[in-house]
């Protein structure tokens, strides 16, 4: 849910009164989510020595600048800035950035408004940063809540690309009146930023990773990428079993590759049996329902038994069934335990 809210904030879908209030108070926040040193992008600074779009100095130059889209390239990757935004957004292409950033994007008017206000805050107008990451970095992101970081995909060389974006409001103007006037301009900038994330893998010929950072996905990732994660799998056949030396990753990859997990609003938990993935130290479990019509329904239940969330997963391969994969995983654990 955090990510959905962040997307709405990023896209400028805000209650006007809230926007005006923030402007009047001069409120400016730093990055919305703290990241580890290994994964956090240097997103609050504008890198030096980068290729940038520049506002036109006069009418003729401005008309020429807007005549065609601008393509930026770095580290073998590219993004395209539409002509209509060429004088409104600064795109950076850092070279050998210490945090792996290959593209950054800022809305110019927000940056200038923050400078005019005399604030030291350098995050105004920030739209996104795209950074390179190792597979280990991405595994850590998968075990986190994902706020502010979306995994794009990976290349043939094994390099991963992660899209970092604000989880708070980065829209700035000098007056509430200017905030209201430029709301559409900010929204267009954010729509473009979101489109970069959605099209980056396809436009650059890399393998896309589908990852929505739901609690189901995060918990599955923890079983194989978090060393101190304690969990059991359970069915009515043998009851709860610890995983032992069974490799969880091959099952987690089956469950998460080309799979879309989402909260299933309006769907009630079905009747029948299920495979339980339980995290006793966290007082939470996930029930993977068994059944022809319910095999891709998952229920998250907290220890009090009163709170729950229903998820559904949709696989690109329609023959896949989440509960069947869980049953195979459980069967291997049971066999390894001598059952």
Protein backbone atom coordinates (compact mmCIF):
# COMPACT_ATOMS: atom_id res chain seq x y z
CA UNK A 1 0.00 0.00 0.00
CA UNK A 2 2.91 2.35 0.69
CA UNK A 3 4.02 2.08 -2.89
CA UNK A 4 0.54 2.88 -4.21
CA UNK A 5 0.42 6.01 -2.06
CA UNK A 6 3.90 7.01 -3.19
CA UNK A 7 2.80 6.65 -6.82
CA UNK A 8 -0.17 8.97 -6.21
CA UNK A 9 2.07 11.50 -4.52
CA UNK A 10 4.64 11.27 -7.29
CA UNK A 11 2.00 11.71 -9.97
CA UNK A 12 0.79 14.93 -8.37
CA UNK A 13 -2.63 13.53 -7.50
CA UNK A 14 -2.96 15.61 -4.34
CA UNK A 15 -5.66 17.46 -2.47
CA UNK A 16 -5.04 21.11 -3.46
CA UNK A 17 -5.42 22.32 0.11
CA UNK A 18 -2.61 19.99 1.15
CA UNK A 19 -0.36 21.27 -1.63
CA UNK A 20 -1.02 24.88 -0.74
CA UNK A 21 -0.52 24.23 2.94
CA UNK A 22 2.85 22.65 2.29
CA UNK A 23 3.90 25.56 0.13
CA UNK A 24 2.78 28.15 2.68
CA UNK A 25 4.68 26.42 5.46
CA UNK A 26 7.80 25.97 3.35
CA UNK A 27 7.77 22.27 4.12
CA UNK A 28 10.55 20.24 2.49
CA UNK A 29 11.32 16.64 3.31
CA UNK A 30 14.40 14.60 2.60
CA UNK A 31 14.24 11.07 1.16
CA UNK A 32 11.10 9.29 2.26
CA UNK A 33 12.75 5.90 2.94
CA UNK A 34 16.13 5.21 4.44
CA UNK A 35 18.19 2.67 2.50
CA UNK A 36 21.28 0.73 3.41
CA UNK A 37 24.60 2.09 2.19
CA UNK A 38 24.75 -0.69 -0.38
CA UNK A 39 21.47 0.17 -2.02
CA UNK A 40 20.60 3.82 -1.31
CA UNK A 41 21.02 6.12 -4.31
CA UNK A 42 22.68 9.52 -4.01
CA UNK A 43 19.33 10.94 -4.98
CA UNK A 44 19.35 14.30 -3.23
CA UNK A 45 22.21 15.85 -5.19
CA UNK A 46 22.45 17.04 -8.74
CA UNK A 47 25.53 15.27 -10.19
CA UNK A 48 28.23 17.35 -11.77
CA UNK A 49 29.58 16.81 -15.24
CA UNK A 50 26.37 15.38 -16.66
CA UNK A 51 24.56 15.90 -19.91
CA UNK A 52 21.51 18.06 -19.29
CA UNK A 53 18.62 19.73 -21.05
CA UNK A 54 18.80 23.49 -20.73
CA UNK A 55 15.95 26.03 -20.81
CA UNK A 56 15.94 28.10 -24.00
CA UNK A 57 17.17 31.70 -23.63
CA UNK A 58 14.72 33.30 -26.03
CA UNK A 59 11.57 32.51 -28.01
CA UNK A 60 13.38 31.25 -31.11
CA UNK A 61 15.66 28.96 -29.13
CA UNK A 62 12.74 27.69 -27.08
CA UNK A 63 10.78 26.81 -30.23
CA UNK A 64 13.82 25.00 -31.69
CA UNK A 65 14.41 23.08 -28.47
CA UNK A 66 10.83 21.87 -28.47
CA UNK A 67 10.98 20.68 -32.07
CA UNK A 68 12.02 17.12 -31.30
CA UNK A 69 12.41 14.62 -28.51
CA UNK A 70 15.76 14.39 -26.74
CA UNK A 71 17.45 11.01 -26.32
CA UNK A 72 19.92 10.58 -23.47
CA UNK A 73 22.39 7.69 -23.41
CA UNK A 74 24.64 6.40 -20.66
CA UNK A 75 26.27 3.06 -19.80
CA UNK A 76 24.71 1.52 -22.89
CA UNK A 77 21.18 2.52 -21.81
CA UNK A 78 18.91 5.28 -23.07
CA UNK A 79 15.83 7.28 -22.11
CA UNK A 80 13.82 9.75 -24.19
CA UNK A 81 12.57 13.13 -23.00
CA UNK A 82 9.55 14.41 -24.98
CA UNK A 83 10.02 17.68 -26.83
CA UNK A 84 7.28 19.39 -24.81
CA UNK A 85 9.26 18.77 -21.61
CA UNK A 86 12.72 19.50 -22.97
CA UNK A 87 12.94 22.94 -21.34
CA UNK A 88 11.14 21.89 -18.15
CA UNK A 89 13.18 18.89 -16.99
CA UNK A 90 16.91 18.44 -16.44
CA UNK A 91 18.20 14.95 -17.21
CA UNK A 92 21.60 14.02 -15.84
CA UNK A 93 23.88 11.25 -17.15
CA UNK A 94 26.57 10.86 -14.47
CA UNK A 95 29.83 9.20 -15.37
CA UNK A 96 31.23 6.65 -12.92
CA UNK A 97 28.81 7.73 -10.21
CA UNK A 98 29.85 6.27 -6.86
CA UNK A 99 26.31 5.09 -6.22
CA UNK A 100 25.77 3.64 -9.67
CA UNK A 101 23.37 6.31 -10.93
CA UNK A 102 23.21 6.43 -14.74
CA UNK A 103 20.22 8.76 -15.12
CA UNK A 104 18.71 11.44 -12.87
CA UNK A 105 15.76 13.73 -13.57
CA UNK A 106 14.60 16.95 -11.94
CA UNK A 107 11.82 19.41 -12.70
CA UNK A 108 13.56 22.74 -13.30
CA UNK A 109 10.94 25.09 -11.87
CA UNK A 110 10.87 23.25 -8.53
CA UNK A 111 14.67 23.38 -8.29
CA UNK A 112 14.66 27.11 -9.03
CA UNK A 113 11.84 27.81 -6.55
CA UNK A 114 13.78 26.07 -3.80
CA UNK A 115 16.90 28.04 -4.62
CA UNK A 116 14.92 31.30 -4.65
CA UNK A 117 13.59 30.49 -1.19
CA UNK A 118 17.17 30.22 0.06
CA UNK A 119 16.73 26.70 1.41
CA UNK A 120 19.58 24.21 1.59
CA UNK A 121 17.30 21.33 0.61
CA UNK A 122 18.58 19.79 -2.65
CA UNK A 123 15.79 17.30 -3.32
CA UNK A 124 13.19 19.69 -4.74
CA UNK A 125 11.91 18.68 -8.15
CA UNK A 126 13.53 15.25 -8.03
CA UNK A 127 11.59 12.86 -10.26
CA UNK A 128 13.76 9.74 -10.32
CA UNK A 129 17.20 8.19 -10.47
CA UNK A 130 18.04 4.98 -12.30
CA UNK A 131 20.94 3.11 -10.72
CA UNK A 132 22.86 -0.05 -11.46
CA UNK A 133 22.84 -2.74 -8.78
CA UNK A 134 24.28 -6.18 -8.19
CA UNK A 135 22.08 -9.23 -7.76
CA UNK A 136 22.89 -9.23 -4.02
CA UNK A 137 21.74 -5.60 -3.78
CA UNK A 138 18.45 -6.51 -5.44
CA UNK A 139 17.93 -9.43 -3.08
CA UNK A 140 18.20 -7.01 -0.17
CA UNK A 141 15.65 -4.71 -1.82
CA UNK A 142 13.30 -7.66 -2.25
CA UNK A 143 13.44 -8.36 1.47
CA UNK A 144 12.65 -4.71 2.27
CA UNK A 145 9.31 -2.92 1.94
CA UNK A 146 10.28 -1.51 -1.44
CA UNK A 147 9.21 2.07 -0.71
CA UNK A 148 10.89 4.39 -3.17
CA UNK A 149 12.70 1.67 -5.12
CA UNK A 150 11.36 -0.36 -8.03
CA UNK A 151 13.35 -3.13 -9.67
CA UNK A 152 13.32 -2.65 -13.43
CA UNK A 153 15.24 -5.66 -14.72
CA UNK A 154 18.68 -6.99 -15.62
CA UNK A 155 20.94 -7.24 -18.63
CA UNK A 156 22.81 -10.16 -20.14
CA UNK A 157 25.85 -9.12 -18.12
CA UNK A 158 23.94 -9.66 -14.86
CA UNK A 159 23.74 -5.96 -14.01
CA UNK A 160 20.41 -4.97 -12.46
CA UNK A 161 18.68 -1.62 -12.91
CA UNK A 162 16.63 -0.06 -10.11
CA UNK A 163 14.34 2.94 -10.40
CA UNK A 164 14.38 5.19 -7.31
CA UNK A 165 11.61 7.75 -6.86
CA UNK A 166 10.29 10.08 -4.14
CA UNK A 167 7.88 8.87 -1.50
CA UNK A 168 7.08 12.44 -0.49
CA UNK A 169 6.14 15.67 -2.32
CA UNK A 170 8.96 17.28 -4.32
CA UNK A 171 6.80 19.88 -6.07
CA UNK A 172 7.91 23.43 -5.18
CA UNK A 173 6.85 26.92 -6.21
CA UNK A 174 7.38 30.31 -4.61
CA UNK A 175 3.67 31.00 -3.95
CA UNK A 176 0.48 29.00 -3.47
CA UNK A 177 -0.90 30.72 -6.58
CA UNK A 178 2.04 29.45 -8.63
CA UNK A 179 1.55 25.98 -7.16
CA UNK A 180 -2.04 25.97 -8.40
CA UNK A 181 -1.12 27.36 -11.81
CA UNK A 182 1.65 24.82 -12.49
CA UNK A 183 -0.08 21.72 -11.13
CA UNK A 184 -0.65 20.33 -14.63
CA UNK A 185 2.97 20.94 -15.60
CA UNK A 186 4.15 18.97 -12.55
CA UNK A 187 1.68 16.19 -13.27
CA UNK A 188 2.99 15.86 -16.85
CA UNK A 189 6.55 15.66 -15.57
CA UNK A 190 5.58 12.88 -13.16
CA UNK A 191 3.62 11.01 -15.82
CA UNK A 192 6.70 11.03 -18.01
CA UNK A 193 8.85 9.83 -15.10
CA UNK A 194 6.48 6.93 -14.50
CA UNK A 195 6.54 6.05 -18.21
CA UNK A 196 10.34 5.82 -18.09
CA UNK A 197 10.05 3.12 -15.43
CA UNK A 198 7.42 1.20 -17.37
CA UNK A 199 9.25 1.24 -20.71
CA UNK A 200 12.92 1.17 -19.69
CA UNK A 201 13.37 -2.61 -19.92
CA UNK A 202 11.70 -2.92 -23.31
CA UNK A 203 13.45 0.13 -24.77
CA UNK A 204 16.86 -1.12 -23.67
CA UNK A 205 16.55 -4.83 -24.40
CA UNK A 206 16.93 -6.05 -20.84
CA UNK A 207 14.93 -8.70 -19.00
CA UNK A 208 12.08 -7.14 -17.05
CA UNK A 209 11.52 -8.09 -13.42
CA UNK A 210 7.93 -8.07 -12.18
CA UNK A 211 7.95 -7.17 -8.50
CA UNK A 212 5.20 -5.29 -6.62
CA UNK A 213 6.73 -5.53 -3.13
CA UNK A 214 3.60 -7.00 -1.58
CA UNK A 215 4.00 -8.66 1.80
CA UNK A 216 3.67 -12.05 0.09
CA UNK A 217 6.59 -11.35 -2.24
CA UNK A 218 8.74 -9.84 0.50
CA UNK A 219 8.12 -12.83 2.78
CA UNK A 220 8.91 -15.31 0.02
CA UNK A 221 12.15 -13.46 -0.71
CA UNK A 222 13.13 -13.62 2.95
CA UNK A 223 13.03 -17.43 2.91
CA UNK A 224 16.03 -17.53 0.59
CA UNK A 225 17.74 -14.14 0.78
CA UNK A 226 17.61 -13.30 4.49
CA UNK A 227 20.00 -15.45 6.50
CA UNK A 228 18.26 -15.08 9.85
CA UNK A 229 14.70 -15.61 8.57
CA UNK A 230 12.88 -18.30 10.57
CA UNK A 231 9.91 -19.97 8.93
CA UNK A 232 8.03 -23.23 8.59
CA UNK A 233 5.83 -24.81 5.94
CA UNK A 234 2.81 -26.78 6.98
CA UNK A 235 -0.04 -28.91 5.65
CA UNK A 236 -2.40 -31.34 7.36
CA UNK A 237 -0.18 -34.24 6.20
CA UNK A 238 2.79 -33.78 8.56
CA UNK A 239 2.15 -30.45 10.24
CA UNK A 240 4.74 -27.65 10.50
CA UNK A 241 8.21 -28.48 9.18
CA UNK A 242 11.38 -26.40 9.25
CA UNK A 243 13.11 -26.09 5.87
CA UNK A 244 16.42 -27.63 6.87
CA UNK A 245 18.84 -27.63 3.93
CA UNK A 246 16.18 -27.57 1.23
CA UNK A 247 16.87 -24.86 -1.33
CA UNK A 248 14.04 -22.35 -1.13
CA UNK A 249 15.19 -20.21 -4.04
CA UNK A 250 14.09 -22.57 -6.82
CA UNK A 251 10.54 -22.51 -5.48
CA UNK A 252 10.55 -18.77 -4.78
CA UNK A 253 11.67 -18.09 -8.35
CA UNK A 254 8.82 -20.22 -9.66
CA UNK A 255 6.41 -18.28 -7.46
CA UNK A 256 7.67 -14.80 -8.37
CA UNK A 257 9.02 -14.90 -11.95
CA UNK A 258 6.57 -13.27 -14.37
CA UNK A 259 4.02 -13.13 -11.58
CA UNK A 260 1.85 -10.21 -10.49
CA UNK A 261 0.83 -10.18 -6.83
CA UNK A 262 -1.87 -7.76 -5.75
CA UNK A 263 -4.37 -7.19 -2.97
CA UNK A 264 -7.64 -8.87 -3.96
CA UNK A 265 -10.24 -6.35 -2.88
CA UNK A 266 -13.71 -7.84 -2.58
CA UNK A 267 -12.53 -11.45 -2.55
CA UNK A 268 -13.19 -13.53 0.56
CA UNK A 269 -10.99 -16.36 1.72
CA UNK A 270 -12.21 -19.62 0.15
CA UNK A 271 -13.06 -22.75 2.08
CA UNK A 272 -10.80 -25.78 2.04
CA UNK A 273 -7.21 -26.73 2.79
CA UNK A 274 -4.10 -24.64 2.31
CA UNK A 275 -0.33 -24.72 2.62
CA UNK A 276 0.90 -22.46 5.41
CA UNK A 277 4.08 -20.37 5.23
CA UNK A 278 4.56 -19.24 8.81
CA UNK A 279 7.01 -16.75 10.35
CA UNK A 280 6.62 -17.42 14.10
CA UNK A 281 9.00 -14.65 15.19
CA UNK A 282 6.98 -12.11 13.22
CA UNK A 283 3.57 -13.43 14.29
CA UNK A 284 2.36 -13.64 10.70
CA UNK A 285 1.51 -16.45 8.29
CA UNK A 286 0.45 -16.87 4.67
CA UNK A 287 -2.15 -19.45 3.61
CA UNK A 288 -1.85 -20.67 0.01
CA UNK A 289 -5.25 -22.15 -0.78
CA UNK A 290 -5.52 -25.49 -2.54
CA UNK A 291 -8.24 -25.87 -5.14
CA UNK A 292 -9.00 -25.60 -8.82
CA UNK A 293 -10.52 -22.14 -8.48
CA UNK A 294 -8.55 -20.91 -5.47
CA UNK A 295 -5.01 -22.14 -6.08
CA UNK A 296 -3.72 -18.62 -6.67
CA UNK A 297 -5.40 -17.03 -3.66
CA UNK A 298 -3.25 -16.25 -0.61
CA UNK A 299 -4.38 -15.06 2.80
CA UNK A 300 -2.12 -13.14 5.15
CA UNK A 301 -3.10 -13.61 8.80
CA UNK A 302 -1.62 -11.85 11.81
CA UNK A 303 -1.22 -13.65 15.13
CA UNK A 304 -4.28 -12.06 16.73
CA UNK A 305 -6.38 -13.90 14.16
CA UNK A 306 -8.58 -10.85 13.73
CA UNK A 307 -6.69 -9.09 10.95
CA UNK A 308 -6.10 -10.52 7.51
CA UNK A 309 -5.43 -9.53 3.92
CA UNK A 310 -6.34 -11.43 0.77
CA UNK A 311 -3.98 -11.49 -2.22
CA UNK A 312 -4.13 -13.05 -5.63
CA UNK A 313 -1.32 -13.89 -8.00
CA UNK A 314 -1.53 -13.95 -11.79
CA UNK A 315 1.18 -15.83 -13.68
CA UNK A 316 2.18 -15.12 -17.27
CA UNK A 317 2.23 -18.92 -17.58
CA UNK A 318 -1.42 -19.74 -16.92
CA UNK A 319 -0.58 -23.36 -16.11
CA UNK A 320 1.21 -22.29 -12.92
CA UNK A 321 -0.63 -22.61 -9.61
CA UNK A 322 0.86 -21.09 -6.47
CA UNK A 323 -0.45 -23.69 -4.04
CA UNK A 324 0.88 -26.57 -6.20
CA UNK A 325 4.37 -25.03 -6.10
CA UNK A 326 4.02 -24.68 -2.33
CA UNK A 327 2.98 -28.34 -2.08
CA UNK A 328 6.04 -29.41 -4.07
CA UNK A 329 8.22 -27.31 -1.77
CA UNK A 330 6.62 -28.89 1.30
CA UNK A 331 7.00 -32.40 -0.15
CA UNK A 332 10.75 -31.88 -0.60
CA UNK A 333 11.09 -30.60 2.96
CA UNK A 334 9.13 -33.59 4.27
CA UNK A 335 11.29 -36.03 2.29
CA UNK A 336 14.49 -34.42 3.58
CA UNK A 337 13.12 -34.77 7.11
CA UNK A 338 12.51 -38.49 6.60
CA UNK A 339 8.74 -38.27 6.48
